[in-house]
C-alpha atoms as a PDB file:
ATOM      1  CA  MET A   1      16.779 -30.141  10.906  1.00  0.00           C
ATOM      2  CA  ARG A   2      13.360 -28.532  10.486  1.00  0.00           C
ATOM      3  CA  ALA A   3      14.116 -25.878  13.105  1.00  0.00           C
ATOM      4  CA  PHE A   4      17.404 -25.223  11.277  1.00  0.00           C
ATOM      5  CA  ALA A   5      15.542 -24.717   7.936  1.00  0.00           C
ATOM      6  CA  ALA A   6      13.170 -22.306   9.516  1.00  0.00           C
ATOM      7  CA  ILE A   7      16.137 -20.343  11.107  1.00  0.00           C
ATOM      8  CA  VAL A   8      17.875 -20.205   7.689  1.00  0.00           C
ATOM      9  CA  CYS A   9      14.728 -18.807   6.082  1.00  0.00           C
ATOM     10  CA  SER A  10      14.317 -16.193   8.745  1.00  0.00           C
ATOM     11  CA  SER A  11      17.991 -15.194   8.517  1.00  0.00           C
ATOM     12  CA  ALA A  12      17.645 -14.618   4.773  1.00  0.00           C
ATOM     13  CA  VAL A  13      14.779 -12.270   5.237  1.00  0.00           C
ATOM     14  CA  VAL A  14      16.524 -10.332   8.011  1.00  0.00           C
ATOM     15  CA  SER A  15      19.779 -10.075   6.100  1.00  0.00           C
ATOM     16  CA  SER A  16      18.096  -8.572   3.041  1.00  0.00           C
ATOM     17  CA  ALA A  17      16.385  -5.985   5.190  1.00  0.00           C
ATOM     18  CA  SER A  18      19.591  -5.100   6.993  1.00  0.00           C
ATOM     19  CA  ALA A  19      21.384  -4.761   3.637  1.00  0.00           C
ATOM     20  CA  GLY A  20      19.273  -1.698   2.863  1.00  0.00           C
ATOM     21  CA  PHE A  21      16.503  -3.300   0.895  1.00  0.00           C
ATOM     22  CA  LEU A  22      13.155  -1.816   1.933  1.00  0.00           C
ATOM     23  CA  SER A  23      10.009  -3.480   0.459  1.00  0.00           C
ATOM     24  CA  SER A  24       7.432  -1.183   2.035  1.00  0.00           C
ATOM     25  CA  ALA A  25       6.924   2.100   3.951  1.00  0.00           C
ATOM     26  CA  MET A  26       3.796   2.427   6.072  1.00  0.00           C
ATOM     27  CA  ILE A  27       1.570   5.378   5.314  1.00  0.00           C
ATOM     28  CA  ASP A  28      -1.017   4.410   7.879  1.00  0.00           C
ATOM     29  CA  ASP A  29      -1.570   1.252  10.007  1.00  0.00           C
ATOM     30  CA  PHE A  30      -4.634   2.874  11.579  1.00  0.00           C
ATOM     31  CA  SER A  31      -3.311   2.356  15.084  1.00  0.00           C
ATOM     32  CA  GLY A  32      -3.684   5.004  17.790  1.00  0.00           C
ATOM     33  CA  SER A  33      -0.330   6.675  16.891  1.00  0.00           C
ATOM     34  CA  GLY A  34      -1.546   8.210  13.636  1.00  0.00           C
ATOM     35  CA  PRO A  35      -0.057   7.928  10.116  1.00  0.00           C
ATOM     36  CA  GLY A  36       3.652   7.751   9.379  1.00  0.00           C
ATOM     37  CA  LEU A  37       6.160   9.233   6.935  1.00  0.00           C
ATOM     38  CA  GLY A  38       5.299  12.773   8.075  1.00  0.00           C
ATOM     39  CA  PHE A  39       1.619  12.663   6.827  1.00  0.00           C
ATOM     40  CA  SER A  40      -1.320  13.921   8.830  1.00  0.00           C
ATOM     41  CA  ARG A  41      -4.688  12.198   8.366  1.00  0.00           C
ATOM     42  CA  GLN A  42      -8.024  13.890   7.972  1.00  0.00           C
ATOM     43  CA  ASP A  43     -11.220  11.794   8.187  1.00  0.00           C
ATOM     44  CA  GLN A  44     -13.763  12.715   5.454  1.00  0.00           C
ATOM     45  CA  ASN A  45     -17.531  12.228   5.517  1.00  0.00           C
ATOM     46  CA  GLY A  46     -17.754   9.530   8.189  1.00  0.00           C
ATOM     47  CA  GLY A  47     -14.564   7.680   7.605  1.00  0.00           C
ATOM     48  CA  SER A  48     -13.488   6.455  11.124  1.00  0.00           C
ATOM     49  CA  VAL A  49     -10.643   4.757  12.870  1.00  0.00           C
ATOM     50  CA  ALA A  50     -10.992   2.266  15.764  1.00  0.00           C
ATOM     51  CA  GLY A  51      -9.428  -0.892  16.922  1.00  0.00           C
ATOM     52  CA  GLY A  52      -6.454  -0.795  14.561  1.00  0.00           C
ATOM     53  CA  PHE A  53      -8.324  -0.439  11.325  1.00  0.00           C
ATOM     54  CA  ALA A  54     -10.430   2.127   9.473  1.00  0.00           C
ATOM     55  CA  SER A  55     -14.065   1.917   8.413  1.00  0.00           C
ATOM     56  CA  MET A  56     -15.312   3.462   5.176  1.00  0.00           C
ATOM     57  CA  SER A  57     -18.889   3.354   3.777  1.00  0.00           C
ATOM     58  CA  GLY A  58     -20.812   5.304   1.208  1.00  0.00           C
ATOM     59  CA  ALA A  59     -18.926   8.459   0.251  1.00  0.00           C
ATOM     60  CA  SER A  60     -16.321   8.490   3.026  1.00  0.00           C
ATOM     61  CA  GLY A  61     -12.571   8.330   3.226  1.00  0.00           C
ATOM     62  CA  PHE A  62      -9.296   9.805   4.365  1.00  0.00           C
ATOM     63  CA  HIS A  63      -7.007  12.580   3.183  1.00  0.00           C
ATOM     64  CA  TYR A  64      -3.338  12.483   3.891  1.00  0.00           C
ATOM     65  CA  LEU A  65      -1.440  15.817   3.742  1.00  0.00           C
ATOM     66  CA  MET A  66       2.201  16.751   4.133  1.00  0.00           C
ATOM     67  CA  ASP A  67       4.039  19.994   3.988  1.00  0.00           C
ATOM     68  CA  SER A  68       6.305  20.563   0.988  1.00  0.00           C
ATOM     69  CA  PRO A  69       8.613  18.962  -0.310  1.00  0.00           C
ATOM     70  CA  GLY A  70       6.558  15.799   0.514  1.00  0.00           C
ATOM     71  CA  TYR A  71       7.427  12.130   0.932  1.00  0.00           C
ATOM     72  CA  VAL A  72       9.685  10.950  -1.957  1.00  0.00           C
ATOM     73  CA  ALA A  73       8.683   7.314  -2.608  1.00  0.00           C
ATOM     74  CA  SER A  74      11.111   6.800  -5.483  1.00  0.00           C
ATOM     75  CA  GLY A  75      12.286   3.379  -4.030  1.00  0.00           C
ATOM     76  CA  PHE A  76       8.728   2.045  -4.405  1.00  0.00           C
ATOM     77  CA  SER A  77       6.574   1.167  -7.329  1.00  0.00           C
ATOM     78  CA  GLY A  78       3.001   1.435  -6.004  1.00  0.00           C
ATOM     79  CA  PHE A  79       0.455   1.427  -3.124  1.00  0.00           C
ATOM     80  CA  SER A  80      -0.895  -1.530  -1.157  1.00  0.00           C
ATOM     81  CA  LEU A  81      -3.898  -1.722   1.125  1.00  0.00           C
ATOM     82  CA  LYS A  82      -5.557  -4.487   3.081  1.00  0.00           C
ATOM     83  CA  VAL A  83      -9.302  -4.579   2.446  1.00  0.00           C
ATOM     84  CA  ASP A  84     -12.213  -6.417   3.989  1.00  0.00           C
ATOM     85  CA  GLY A  85     -15.949  -6.033   3.330  1.00  0.00           C
ATOM     86  CA  SER A  86     -17.861  -5.359   0.200  1.00  0.00           C
ATOM     87  CA  LEU A  87     -17.714  -2.652  -2.451  1.00  0.00           C
ATOM     88  CA  GLY A  88     -21.229  -3.569  -3.549  1.00  0.00           C
ATOM     89  CA  THR A  89     -21.996  -1.342  -6.506  1.00  0.00           C
ATOM     90  CA  GLY A  90     -19.673   1.287  -5.171  1.00  0.00           C
ATOM     91  CA  GLY A  91     -15.941   1.765  -5.496  1.00  0.00           C
ATOM     92  CA  LEU A  92     -12.625   2.391  -3.741  1.00  0.00           C
ATOM     93  CA  TYR A  93     -10.647   5.234  -5.223  1.00  0.00           C
ATOM     94  CA  LEU A  94      -7.232   6.893  -4.808  1.00  0.00           C
ATOM     95  CA  ASN A  95      -6.059  10.538  -5.394  1.00  0.00           C
ATOM     96  CA  VAL A  96      -2.421  11.641  -5.405  1.00  0.00           C
ATOM     97  CA  ILE A  97      -0.780  15.006  -5.573  1.00  0.00           C
ATOM     98  CA  GLY A  98       2.899  15.780  -5.953  1.00  0.00           C
ATOM     99  CA  ALA A  99       4.735  18.815  -4.627  1.00  0.00           C
ATOM    100  CA  ASP A 100       4.223  21.844  -6.765  1.00  0.00           C
ATOM    101  CA  PHE A 101       1.585  19.811  -8.577  1.00  0.00           C
ATOM    102  CA  ASN A 102       4.278  17.876 -10.524  1.00  0.00           C
ATOM    103  CA  PHE A 103       1.855  15.062 -10.780  1.00  0.00           C
ATOM    104  CA  ILE A 104      -1.880  14.891 -10.125  1.00  0.00           C
ATOM    105  CA  ALA A 105      -4.145  11.835 -10.306  1.00  0.00           C
ATOM    106  CA  PHE A 106      -7.736  12.001  -9.092  1.00  0.00           C
ATOM    107  CA  GLY A 107     -10.241   9.173  -8.967  1.00  0.00           C
ATOM    108  CA  VAL A 108      -8.059   6.188  -9.689  1.00  0.00           C
ATOM    109  CA  ASP A 109      -9.972   2.971  -9.303  1.00  0.00           C
ATOM    110  CA  PHE A 110      -8.139   1.206  -6.480  1.00  0.00           C
ATOM    111  CA  GLY A 111     -10.974  -1.253  -5.928  1.00  0.00           C
ATOM    112  CA  SER A 112     -10.561  -3.016  -9.285  1.00  0.00           C
ATOM    113  CA  THR A 113      -7.186  -4.336  -8.092  1.00  0.00           C
ATOM    114  CA  ILE A 114      -8.377  -6.150  -4.991  1.00  0.00           C
ATOM    115  CA  SER A 115      -7.254  -9.815  -4.747  1.00  0.00           C
ATOM    116  CA  ASN A 116      -6.903 -12.084  -1.709  1.00  0.00           C
ATOM    117  CA  GLY A 117      -7.828  -9.223   0.618  1.00  0.00           C
ATOM    118  CA  TYR A 118      -5.305  -6.798  -0.631  1.00  0.00           C
ATOM    119  CA  ALA A 119      -5.497  -3.906  -3.188  1.00  0.00           C
ATOM    120  CA  TRP A 120      -2.309  -3.283  -5.067  1.00  0.00           C
ATOM    121  CA  ILE A 121      -1.864  -0.571  -7.714  1.00  0.00           C
ATOM    122  CA  THR A 122       1.387   0.509  -9.366  1.00  0.00           C
ATOM    123  CA  PHE A 123       2.514   4.048 -10.255  1.00  0.00           C
ATOM    124  CA  SER A 124       2.353   3.019 -13.895  1.00  0.00           C
ATOM    125  CA  GLN A 125      -1.215   1.942 -13.527  1.00  0.00           C
ATOM    126  CA  ILE A 126      -2.049   5.382 -11.959  1.00  0.00           C
ATOM    127  CA  ASP A 127      -0.380   7.143 -14.898  1.00  0.00           C
ATOM    128  CA  ALA A 128      -2.321   5.055 -17.394  1.00  0.00           C
ATOM    129  CA  ALA A 129      -5.654   5.621 -15.552  1.00  0.00           C
ATOM    130  CA  VAL A 130      -5.392   9.391 -15.758  1.00  0.00           C
ATOM    131  CA  GLY A 131      -3.670   9.790 -19.184  1.00  0.00           C
ATOM    132  CA  ASN A 132      -0.222  10.768 -17.988  1.00  0.00           C
ATOM    133  CA  ASP A 133       2.784   9.857 -20.163  1.00  0.00           C
ATOM    134  CA  PRO A 134       4.124   6.443 -19.265  1.00  0.00           C
ATOM    135  CA  GLY A 135       6.504   6.719 -16.312  1.00  0.00           C
ATOM    136  CA  ALA A 136       5.481  10.305 -15.472  1.00  0.00           C
ATOM    137  CA  LEU A 137       4.882   9.699 -11.787  1.00  0.00           C
ATOM    138  CA  GLN A 138       7.936   7.509 -11.274  1.00  0.00           C
ATOM    139  CA  GLY A 139      10.065  10.014 -13.172  1.00  0.00           C
ATOM    140  CA  ALA A 140       8.864  12.869 -10.997  1.00  0.00           C
ATOM    141  CA  LEU A 141       9.704  10.830  -7.911  1.00  0.00           C
ATOM    142  CA  GLY A 142      13.160  10.108  -9.289  1.00  0.00           C
ATOM    143  CA  GLU A 143      13.699  13.853  -9.629  1.00  0.00           C
ATOM    144  CA  GLY A 144      12.834  14.381  -5.965  1.00  0.00           C
ATOM    145  CA  THR A 145       9.210  15.307  -6.155  1.00  0.00           C
ATOM    146  CA  GLY A 146       7.403  13.975  -3.203  1.00  0.00           C
ATOM    147  CA  PHE A 147       3.710  13.098  -2.407  1.00  0.00           C
ATOM    148  CA  VAL A 148       2.101  16.059  -0.613  1.00  0.00           C
ATOM    149  CA  GLY A 149      -1.448  14.742  -0.829  1.00  0.00           C
ATOM    150  CA  ILE A 150      -3.063  11.324  -0.923  1.00  0.00           C
ATOM    151  CA  GLY A 151      -6.753  10.610  -0.782  1.00  0.00           C
ATOM    152  CA  LEU A 152      -8.476   7.218  -0.188  1.00  0.00           C
ATOM    153  CA  TYR A 153     -12.260   7.137  -0.443  1.00  0.00           C
ATOM    154  CA  THR A 154     -15.332   4.937  -1.210  1.00  0.00           C
ATOM    155  CA  THR A 155     -18.433   5.691  -3.190  1.00  0.00           C
ATOM    156  CA  GLY A 156     -21.903   4.234  -3.593  1.00  0.00           C
ATOM    157  CA  ASN A 157     -22.959   1.544  -1.211  1.00  0.00           C
ATOM    158  CA  ALA A 158     -19.388   0.281  -0.450  1.00  0.00           C
ATOM    159  CA  ALA A 159     -18.878  -0.801   3.196  1.00  0.00           C
ATOM    160  CA  ILE A 160     -15.352  -1.810   3.900  1.00  0.00           C
ATOM    161  CA  THR A 161     -12.585  -1.853   6.592  1.00  0.00           C
ATOM    162  CA  VAL A 162      -9.005  -1.133   5.563  1.00  0.00           C
ATOM    163  CA  ASP A 163      -5.637  -1.598   7.176  1.00  0.00           C
ATOM    164  CA  ASP A 164      -1.961  -1.286   6.320  1.00  0.00           C
ATOM    165  CA  PHE A 165      -1.977   1.449   3.699  1.00  0.00           C
ATOM    166  CA  GLU A 166       1.603   1.621   2.418  1.00  0.00           C
ATOM    167  CA  PHE A 167       4.059   2.270  -0.376  1.00  0.00           C
ATOM    168  CA  ARG A 168       5.466  -1.021  -1.721  1.00  0.00           C
ATOM    169  CA  THR A 169       7.932  -2.422  -4.220  1.00  0.00           C
ATOM    170  CA  SER A 170       5.666  -5.269  -5.119  1.00  0.00           C
ATOM    171  CA  ALA A 171       2.273  -6.664  -4.360  1.00  0.00           C
ATOM    172  CA  VAL A 172       1.588  -8.230  -0.906  1.00  0.00           C
ATOM    173  CA  PRO A 173       1.583 -12.017  -1.401  1.00  0.00           C
ATOM    174  CA  ALA A 174      -1.545 -13.877  -0.375  1.00  0.00           C
ATOM    175  CA  PRO A 175      -1.227 -15.632   3.036  1.00  0.00           C
ATOM    176  CA  GLY A 176      -1.340 -18.943   1.240  1.00  0.00           C
ATOM    177  CA  ALA A 177       1.734 -18.008  -0.792  1.00  0.00           C
ATOM    178  CA  LEU A 178       3.676 -17.243   2.358  1.00  0.00           C
ATOM    179  CA  ALA A 179       2.710 -20.592   3.768  1.00  0.00           C
ATOM    180  CA  LEU A 180       3.834 -22.344   0.534  1.00  0.00           C
ATOM    181  CA  LEU A 181       7.252 -20.594   0.922  1.00  0.00           C
ATOM    182  CA  GLY A 182       7.609 -22.067   4.397  1.00  0.00           C
ATOM    183  CA  VAL A 183       6.596 -25.553   3.213  1.00  0.00           C
ATOM    184  CA  ALA A 184       9.070 -25.345   0.329  1.00  0.00           C
ATOM    185  CA  GLY A 185      11.848 -24.391   2.768  1.00  0.00           C
ATOM    186  CA  LEU A 186      11.039 -27.432   4.943  1.00  0.00           C
ATOM    187  CA  ALA A 187      10.804 -29.737   1.980  1.00  0.00           C
ATOM    188  CA  GLY A 188      14.094 -28.447   0.626  1.00  0.00           C
ATOM    189  CA  GLY A 189      15.697 -29.152   3.985  1.00  0.00           C
ATOM    190  CA  ARG A 190      14.202 -32.598   4.106  1.00  0.00           C
ATOM    191  CA  ARG A 191      15.623 -33.516   0.683  1.00  0.00           C
ATOM    192  CA  ARG A 192      19.156 -32.576   1.674  1.00  0.00           C
ATOM    193  CA  ARG A 193      19.333 -35.140   4.492  1.00  0.00           C
END
């Protein structure tokens, strides 16, 4: 019965993905194949990629560029990034630029959102951080404006590694939360006997 419960849980996840629901789109997994979604990556001031993750320290980072019209992320609500290491007294920041400069946000503090090894920031939080009207970025995406530039960089004495930089519909759950979902599925199966 336990194996059956596990199969049912797996089937539910697969069926929602096959029904057209997309919870994330990978910008960069820092593998040897380069970034996705049509972006090209430029290392800045010592940002480096090796072994499936990126290292950033001091004032270093990465810029992602795309030819117009850009990647339209209207199906998503924010950015997620796996983070390890220490920001110290430094920070982790995000820049975004839309096609034809329909939206611009420089120096958004991505580091203040780190929890359980992931940084998650919504498009609404980006608008608020730079003084845009509420919903400005999401509205521009809904009208077909795409991202043509994204910057990810550290400052001060930060020394971190990052992985799985992506657009997401919701925050990445902590590994413990995923384990609890599995246990709940098994417990539910056990009660039905």
